[in-house]
Amino acid sequence: MKSICASPRSPVNRTETKTVNCPGCKKPVPWVEASQYRPFCSERCKLIDFGEWATGKNRLAGEPLFSDSEEEPLQ
């Protein structure tokens, strides 16, 4: 007997809005144009994150481009 329900792989018109968690406070944020600070929930969380990058609290791993005592790039 076949099921009349749509299979998980069949195209279905979904109206679900994707949500992401705010990187700052982990609050769910709808991923829509109206969420002007996405992926952040608010301007406050966005500015806190920016401040952490600007002060060096957040950084990407890798070899340094400059030594601490020189202004010349490392070779």
PDB file of N, CA and C in Angstrom:
ATOM      1  N   MET A   1       0.842  -1.173   0.000  1.00  0.00           N
ATOM      2  CA  MET A   1       0.000   0.000   0.000  1.00  0.00           C
ATOM      3  C   MET A   1       0.890   1.240   0.000  1.00  0.00           C
ATOM      4  N   LYS A   2       0.616   2.171  -0.878  1.00  0.00           N
ATOM      5  CA  LYS A   2       1.403   3.393  -0.971  1.00  0.00           C
ATOM      6  C   LYS A   2       0.856   4.460  -0.043  1.00  0.00           C
ATOM      7  N   SER A   3       1.765   5.226   0.497  1.00  0.00           N
ATOM      8  CA  SER A   3       1.379   6.338   1.363  1.00  0.00           C
ATOM      9  C   SER A   3       0.989   7.529   0.496  1.00  0.00           C
ATOM     10  N   ILE A   4       0.030   8.296   0.942  1.00  0.00           N
ATOM     11  CA  ILE A   4      -0.365   9.478   0.190  1.00  0.00           C
ATOM     12  C   ILE A   4       0.418  10.718   0.625  1.00  0.00           C
ATOM     13  N   CYS A   5       1.287  10.560   1.613  1.00  0.00           N
ATOM     14  CA  CYS A   5       2.112  11.680   2.077  1.00  0.00           C
ATOM     15  C   CYS A   5       3.243  11.909   1.092  1.00  0.00           C
ATOM     16  N   ALA A   6       3.676  13.125   0.997  1.00  0.00           N
ATOM     17  CA  ALA A   6       4.804  13.450   0.128  1.00  0.00           C
ATOM     18  C   ALA A   6       6.069  12.816   0.688  1.00  0.00           C
ATOM     19  N   SER A   7       6.888  12.332  -0.210  1.00  0.00           N
ATOM     20  CA  SER A   7       8.149  11.755   0.249  1.00  0.00           C
ATOM     21  C   SER A   7       9.084  12.886   0.671  1.00  0.00           C
ATOM     22  N   PRO A   8      10.066  12.588   1.513  1.00  0.00           N
ATOM     23  CA  PRO A   8      10.975  13.640   1.983  1.00  0.00           C
ATOM     24  C   PRO A   8      11.757  14.306   0.859  1.00  0.00           C
ATOM     25  N   ARG A   9      11.889  13.614  -0.269  1.00  0.00           N
ATOM     26  CA  ARG A   9      12.669  14.172  -1.376  1.00  0.00           C
ATOM     27  C   ARG A   9      11.813  14.885  -2.416  1.00  0.00           C
ATOM     28  N   SER A  10      10.518  14.780  -2.319  1.00  0.00           N
ATOM     29  CA  SER A  10       9.678  15.426  -3.317  1.00  0.00           C
ATOM     30  C   SER A  10       9.603  16.923  -3.048  1.00  0.00           C
ATOM     31  N   PRO A  11       9.539  17.717  -4.124  1.00  0.00           N
ATOM     32  CA  PRO A  11       9.454  19.165  -3.913  1.00  0.00           C
ATOM     33  C   PRO A  11       8.131  19.542  -3.268  1.00  0.00           C
ATOM     34  N   VAL A  12       8.210  20.233  -2.184  1.00  0.00           N
ATOM     35  CA  VAL A  12       7.020  20.655  -1.452  1.00  0.00           C
ATOM     36  C   VAL A  12       7.135  22.156  -1.257  1.00  0.00           C
ATOM     37  N   ASN A  13       6.039  22.837  -1.398  1.00  0.00           N
ATOM     38  CA  ASN A  13       6.043  24.280  -1.201  1.00  0.00           C
ATOM     39  C   ASN A  13       6.137  24.561   0.289  1.00  0.00           C
ATOM     40  N   ARG A  14       7.312  24.908   0.768  1.00  0.00           N
ATOM     41  CA  ARG A  14       7.525  25.139   2.201  1.00  0.00           C
ATOM     42  C   ARG A  14       7.519  26.637   2.484  1.00  0.00           C
ATOM     43  N   THR A  15       6.872  26.998   3.559  1.00  0.00           N
ATOM     44  CA  THR A  15       6.844  28.399   3.964  1.00  0.00           C
ATOM     45  C   THR A  15       7.646  28.614   5.235  1.00  0.00           C
ATOM     46  N   GLU A  16       8.418  27.601   5.627  1.00  0.00           N
ATOM     47  CA  GLU A  16       9.227  27.716   6.833  1.00  0.00           C
ATOM     48  C   GLU A  16      10.333  28.747   6.610  1.00  0.00           C
ATOM     49  N   THR A  17      10.539  29.590   7.588  1.00  0.00           N
ATOM     50  CA  THR A  17      11.608  30.574   7.520  1.00  0.00           C
ATOM     51  C   THR A  17      12.833  30.000   8.205  1.00  0.00           C
ATOM     52  N   LYS A  18      13.955  30.050   7.509  1.00  0.00           N
ATOM     53  CA  LYS A  18      15.193  29.560   8.098  1.00  0.00           C
ATOM     54  C   LYS A  18      15.603  30.494   9.226  1.00  0.00           C
ATOM     55  N   THR A  19      16.089  29.924  10.300  1.00  0.00           N
ATOM     56  CA  THR A  19      16.594  30.727  11.409  1.00  0.00           C
ATOM     57  C   THR A  19      18.035  30.336  11.689  1.00  0.00           C
ATOM     58  N   VAL A  20      18.795  31.300  12.169  1.00  0.00           N
ATOM     59  CA  VAL A  20      20.178  31.076  12.601  1.00  0.00           C
ATOM     60  C   VAL A  20      20.289  31.596  14.022  1.00  0.00           C
ATOM     61  N   ASN A  21      21.281  31.136  14.741  1.00  0.00           N
ATOM     62  CA  ASN A  21      21.498  31.641  16.093  1.00  0.00           C
ATOM     63  C   ASN A  21      22.438  32.834  16.043  1.00  0.00           C
ATOM     64  N   CYS A  22      22.085  33.876  16.759  1.00  0.00           N
ATOM     65  CA  CYS A  22      22.919  35.072  16.857  1.00  0.00           C
ATOM     66  C   CYS A  22      24.291  34.648  17.388  1.00  0.00           C
ATOM     67  N   PRO A  23      25.383  35.043  16.721  1.00  0.00           N
ATOM     68  CA  PRO A  23      26.712  34.675  17.208  1.00  0.00           C
ATOM     69  C   PRO A  23      27.019  35.237  18.595  1.00  0.00           C
ATOM     70  N   GLY A  24      26.349  36.306  18.986  1.00  0.00           N
ATOM     71  CA  GLY A  24      26.619  36.921  20.279  1.00  0.00           C
ATOM     72  C   GLY A  24      25.859  36.297  21.427  1.00  0.00           C
ATOM     73  N   CYS A  25      24.537  36.270  21.321  1.00  0.00           N
ATOM     74  CA  CYS A  25      23.716  35.820  22.459  1.00  0.00           C
ATOM     75  C   CYS A  25      23.001  34.495  22.204  1.00  0.00           C
ATOM     76  N   LYS A  26      23.147  33.943  21.010  1.00  0.00           N
ATOM     77  CA  LYS A  26      22.553  32.646  20.619  1.00  0.00           C
ATOM     78  C   LYS A  26      21.039  32.675  20.460  1.00  0.00           C
ATOM     79  N   LYS A  27      20.437  33.860  20.455  1.00  0.00           N
ATOM     80  CA  LYS A  27      18.995  33.997  20.239  1.00  0.00           C
ATOM     81  C   LYS A  27      18.686  33.651  18.773  1.00  0.00           C
ATOM     82  N   PRO A  28      17.581  32.928  18.500  1.00  0.00           N
ATOM     83  CA  PRO A  28      17.229  32.618  17.112  1.00  0.00           C
ATOM     84  C   PRO A  28      16.889  33.891  16.328  1.00  0.00           C
ATOM     85  N   VAL A  29      17.412  33.966  15.109  1.00  0.00           N
ATOM     86  CA  VAL A  29      17.183  35.122  14.242  1.00  0.00           C
ATOM     87  C   VAL A  29      16.618  34.605  12.920  1.00  0.00           C
ATOM     88  N   PRO A  30      15.450  35.093  12.486  1.00  0.00           N
ATOM     89  CA  PRO A  30      14.929  34.665  11.184  1.00  0.00           C
ATOM     90  C   PRO A  30      15.813  35.203  10.060  1.00  0.00           C
ATOM     91  N   TRP A  31      16.131  34.349   9.088  1.00  0.00           N
ATOM     92  CA  TRP A  31      16.992  34.744   7.978  1.00  0.00           C
ATOM     93  C   TRP A  31      16.110  35.313   6.863  1.00  0.00           C
ATOM     94  N   VAL A  32      15.672  36.558   7.069  1.00  0.00           N
ATOM     95  CA  VAL A  32      14.837  37.270   6.103  1.00  0.00           C
ATOM     96  C   VAL A  32      15.385  38.684   5.947  1.00  0.00           C
ATOM     97  N   GLU A  33      15.023  39.343   4.850  1.00  0.00           N
ATOM     98  CA  GLU A  33      15.524  40.699   4.604  1.00  0.00           C
ATOM     99  C   GLU A  33      15.157  41.675   5.712  1.00  0.00           C
ATOM    100  N   ALA A  34      14.035  41.459   6.358  1.00  0.00           N
ATOM    101  CA  ALA A  34      13.596  42.361   7.424  1.00  0.00           C
ATOM    102  C   ALA A  34      14.516  42.321   8.644  1.00  0.00           C
ATOM    103  N   SER A  35      15.315  41.260   8.780  1.00  0.00           N
ATOM    104  CA  SER A  35      16.270  41.163   9.897  1.00  0.00           C
ATOM    105  C   SER A  35      17.537  41.914   9.489  1.00  0.00           C
ATOM    106  N   GLN A  36      17.534  43.217   9.722  1.00  0.00           N
ATOM    107  CA  GLN A  36      18.600  44.064   9.183  1.00  0.00           C
ATOM    108  C   GLN A  36      19.974  43.822   9.781  1.00  0.00           C
ATOM    109  N   TYR A  37      20.069  43.176  10.929  1.00  0.00           N
ATOM    110  CA  TYR A  37      21.373  42.936  11.556  1.00  0.00           C
ATOM    111  C   TYR A  37      21.825  41.486  11.408  1.00  0.00           C
ATOM    112  N   ARG A  38      21.114  40.692  10.616  1.00  0.00           N
ATOM    113  CA  ARG A  38      21.443  39.277  10.503  1.00  0.00           C
ATOM    114  C   ARG A  38      22.902  39.071  10.151  1.00  0.00           C
ATOM    115  N   PRO A  39      23.598  38.140  10.679  1.00  0.00           N
ATOM    116  CA  PRO A  39      23.117  37.051  11.514  1.00  0.00           C
ATOM    117  C   PRO A  39      22.924  37.434  12.973  1.00  0.00           C
ATOM    118  N   PHE A  40      23.135  38.703  13.302  1.00  0.00           N
ATOM    119  CA  PHE A  40      22.969  39.150  14.689  1.00  0.00           C
ATOM    120  C   PHE A  40      21.511  39.493  14.944  1.00  0.00           C
ATOM    121  N   CYS A  41      21.103  39.423  16.210  1.00  0.00           N
ATOM    122  CA  CYS A  41      19.709  39.718  16.560  1.00  0.00           C
ATOM    123  C   CYS A  41      19.476  41.212  16.713  1.00  0.00           C
ATOM    124  N   SER A  42      20.539  41.975  16.956  1.00  0.00           N
ATOM    125  CA  SER A  42      20.374  43.406  17.214  1.00  0.00           C
ATOM    126  C   SER A  42      21.660  44.149  16.875  1.00  0.00           C
ATOM    127  N   GLU A  43      21.543  45.462  16.822  1.00  0.00           N
ATOM    128  CA  GLU A  43      22.725  46.292  16.589  1.00  0.00           C
ATOM    129  C   GLU A  43      23.725  46.110  17.726  1.00  0.00           C
ATOM    130  N   ARG A  44      23.224  45.936  18.934  1.00  0.00           N
ATOM    131  CA  ARG A  44      24.098  45.758  20.102  1.00  0.00           C
ATOM    132  C   ARG A  44      25.009  44.544  19.926  1.00  0.00           C
ATOM    133  N   CYS A  45      24.432  43.387  19.567  1.00  0.00           N
ATOM    134  CA  CYS A  45      25.246  42.182  19.376  1.00  0.00           C
ATOM    135  C   CYS A  45      26.229  42.369  18.220  1.00  0.00           C
ATOM    136  N   LYS A  46      25.803  43.052  17.173  1.00  0.00           N
ATOM    137  CA  LYS A  46      26.687  43.313  16.033  1.00  0.00           C
ATOM    138  C   LYS A  46      27.876  44.169  16.454  1.00  0.00           C
ATOM    139  N   LEU A  47      27.632  45.219  17.233  1.00  0.00           N
ATOM    140  CA  LEU A  47      28.710  46.111  17.668  1.00  0.00           C
ATOM    141  C   LEU A  47      29.647  45.433  18.665  1.00  0.00           C
ATOM    142  N   ILE A  48      29.108  44.594  19.532  1.00  0.00           N
ATOM    143  CA  ILE A  48      29.960  43.850  20.465  1.00  0.00           C
ATOM    144  C   ILE A  48      30.912  42.950  19.681  1.00  0.00           C
ATOM    145  N   ASP A  49      30.391  42.245  18.670  1.00  0.00           N
ATOM    146  CA  ASP A  49      31.221  41.364  17.854  1.00  0.00           C
ATOM    147  C   ASP A  49      32.287  42.170  17.113  1.00  0.00           C
ATOM    148  N   PHE A  50      31.901  43.298  16.537  1.00  0.00           N
ATOM    149  CA  PHE A  50      32.861  44.151  15.831  1.00  0.00           C
ATOM    150  C   PHE A  50      33.970  44.600  16.777  1.00  0.00           C
ATOM    151  N   GLY A  51      33.599  44.992  17.986  1.00  0.00           N
ATOM    152  CA  GLY A  51      34.589  45.422  18.971  1.00  0.00           C
ATOM    153  C   GLY A  51      35.568  44.322  19.332  1.00  0.00           C
ATOM    154  N   GLU A  52      35.086  43.084  19.407  1.00  0.00           N
ATOM    155  CA  GLU A  52      35.976  41.964  19.719  1.00  0.00           C
ATOM    156  C   GLU A  52      36.978  41.720  18.599  1.00  0.00           C
ATOM    157  N   TRP A  53      36.555  41.891  17.348  1.00  0.00           N
ATOM    158  CA  TRP A  53      37.495  41.764  16.228  1.00  0.00           C
ATOM    159  C   TRP A  53      38.467  42.939  16.214  1.00  0.00           C
ATOM    160  N   ALA A  54      37.968  44.142  16.463  1.00  0.00           N
ATOM    161  CA  ALA A  54      38.811  45.341  16.401  1.00  0.00           C
ATOM    162  C   ALA A  54      39.891  45.349  17.478  1.00  0.00           C
ATOM    163  N   THR A  55      39.605  44.783  18.642  1.00  0.00           N
ATOM    164  CA  THR A  55      40.589  44.775  19.725  1.00  0.00           C
ATOM    165  C   THR A  55      41.511  43.563  19.683  1.00  0.00           C
ATOM    166  N   GLY A  56      41.270  42.640  18.767  1.00  0.00           N
ATOM    167  CA  GLY A  56      42.112  41.459  18.650  1.00  0.00           C
ATOM    168  C   GLY A  56      41.669  40.288  19.498  1.00  0.00           C
ATOM    169  N   LYS A  57      40.541  40.419  20.183  1.00  0.00           N
ATOM    170  CA  LYS A  57      40.035  39.297  20.981  1.00  0.00           C
ATOM    171  C   LYS A  57      39.678  38.127  20.068  1.00  0.00           C
ATOM    172  N   ASN A  58      39.096  38.420  18.925  1.00  0.00           N
ATOM    173  CA  ASN A  58      38.817  37.410  17.901  1.00  0.00           C
ATOM    174  C   ASN A  58      39.876  37.545  16.820  1.00  0.00           C
ATOM    175  N   ARG A  59      40.357  36.418  16.319  1.00  0.00           N
ATOM    176  CA  ARG A  59      41.315  36.449  15.216  1.00  0.00           C
ATOM    177  C   ARG A  59      41.298  35.109  14.505  1.00  0.00           C
ATOM    178  N   LEU A  60      41.772  35.115  13.280  1.00  0.00           N
ATOM    179  CA  LEU A  60      41.863  33.900  12.493  1.00  0.00           C
ATOM    180  C   LEU A  60      43.228  33.274  12.696  1.00  0.00           C
ATOM    181  N   ALA A  61      43.267  31.966  12.743  1.00  0.00           N
ATOM    182  CA  ALA A  61      44.533  31.257  12.931  1.00  0.00           C
ATOM    183  C   ALA A  61      45.381  31.364  11.668  1.00  0.00           C
ATOM    184  N   GLY A  62      46.669  31.405  11.851  1.00  0.00           N
ATOM    185  CA  GLY A  62      47.586  31.437  10.717  1.00  0.00           C
ATOM    186  C   GLY A  62      48.898  32.065  11.101  1.00  0.00           C
ATOM    187  N   GLU A  63      49.810  32.064  10.163  1.00  0.00           N
ATOM    188  CA  GLU A  63      51.115  32.672  10.381  1.00  0.00           C
ATOM    189  C   GLU A  63      50.967  34.189  10.408  1.00  0.00           C
ATOM    190  N   PRO A  64      51.700  34.883  11.282  1.00  0.00           N
ATOM    191  CA  PRO A  64      51.620  36.343  11.311  1.00  0.00           C
ATOM    192  C   PRO A  64      52.191  36.950  10.032  1.00  0.00           C
ATOM    193  N   LEU A  65      51.583  38.032   9.572  1.00  0.00           N
ATOM    194  CA  LEU A  65      52.074  38.726   8.389  1.00  0.00           C
ATOM    195  C   LEU A  65      53.223  39.659   8.734  1.00  0.00           C
ATOM    196  N   PHE A  66      53.241  40.165   9.958  1.00  0.00           N
ATOM    197  CA  PHE A  66      54.279  41.077  10.418  1.00  0.00           C
ATOM    198  C   PHE A  66      54.818  40.562  11.745  1.00  0.00           C
ATOM    199  N   SER A  67      56.109  40.806  11.979  1.00  0.00           N
ATOM    200  CA  SER A  67      56.646  40.480  13.297  1.00  0.00           C
ATOM    201  C   SER A  67      56.248  41.596  14.249  1.00  0.00           C
ATOM    202  N   ASP A  68      56.324  41.355  15.523  1.00  0.00           N
ATOM    203  CA  ASP A  68      55.941  42.365  16.508  1.00  0.00           C
ATOM    204  C   ASP A  68      56.885  43.562  16.514  1.00  0.00           C
ATOM    205  N   SER A  69      58.151  43.365  16.123  1.00  0.00           N
ATOM    206  CA  SER A  69      59.135  44.446  16.212  1.00  0.00           C
ATOM    207  C   SER A  69      59.400  45.136  14.884  1.00  0.00           C
ATOM    208  N   GLU A  70      58.832  44.652  13.797  1.00  0.00           N
ATOM    209  CA  GLU A  70      59.106  45.220  12.477  1.00  0.00           C
ATOM    210  C   GLU A  70      57.818  45.671  11.805  1.00  0.00           C
ATOM    211  N   GLU A  71      57.975  46.592  10.904  1.00  0.00           N
ATOM    212  CA  GLU A  71      56.850  47.010  10.078  1.00  0.00           C
ATOM    213  C   GLU A  71      56.910  46.335   8.713  1.00  0.00           C
ATOM    214  N   GLU A  72      58.038  45.689   8.403  1.00  0.00           N
ATOM    215  CA  GLU A  72      58.211  45.025   7.117  1.00  0.00           C
ATOM    216  C   GLU A  72      57.511  43.664   7.132  1.00  0.00           C
ATOM    217  N   PRO A  73      56.899  43.277   6.007  1.00  0.00           N
ATOM    218  CA  PRO A  73      56.282  41.946   5.943  1.00  0.00           C
ATOM    219  C   PRO A  73      57.325  40.853   6.116  1.00  0.00           C
ATOM    220  N   LEU A  74      56.931  39.745   6.716  1.00  0.00           N
ATOM    221  CA  LEU A  74      57.823  38.599   6.869  1.00  0.00           C
ATOM    222  C   LEU A  74      57.955  37.889   5.535  1.00  0.00           C
ATOM    223  N   GLN A  75      59.124  37.361   5.248  1.00  0.00           N
ATOM    224  CA  GLN A  75      59.367  36.650   3.990  1.00  0.00           C
ATOM    225  C   GLN A  75      59.321  35.165   4.198  1.00  0.00           C
TER     226      GLN A  75
END
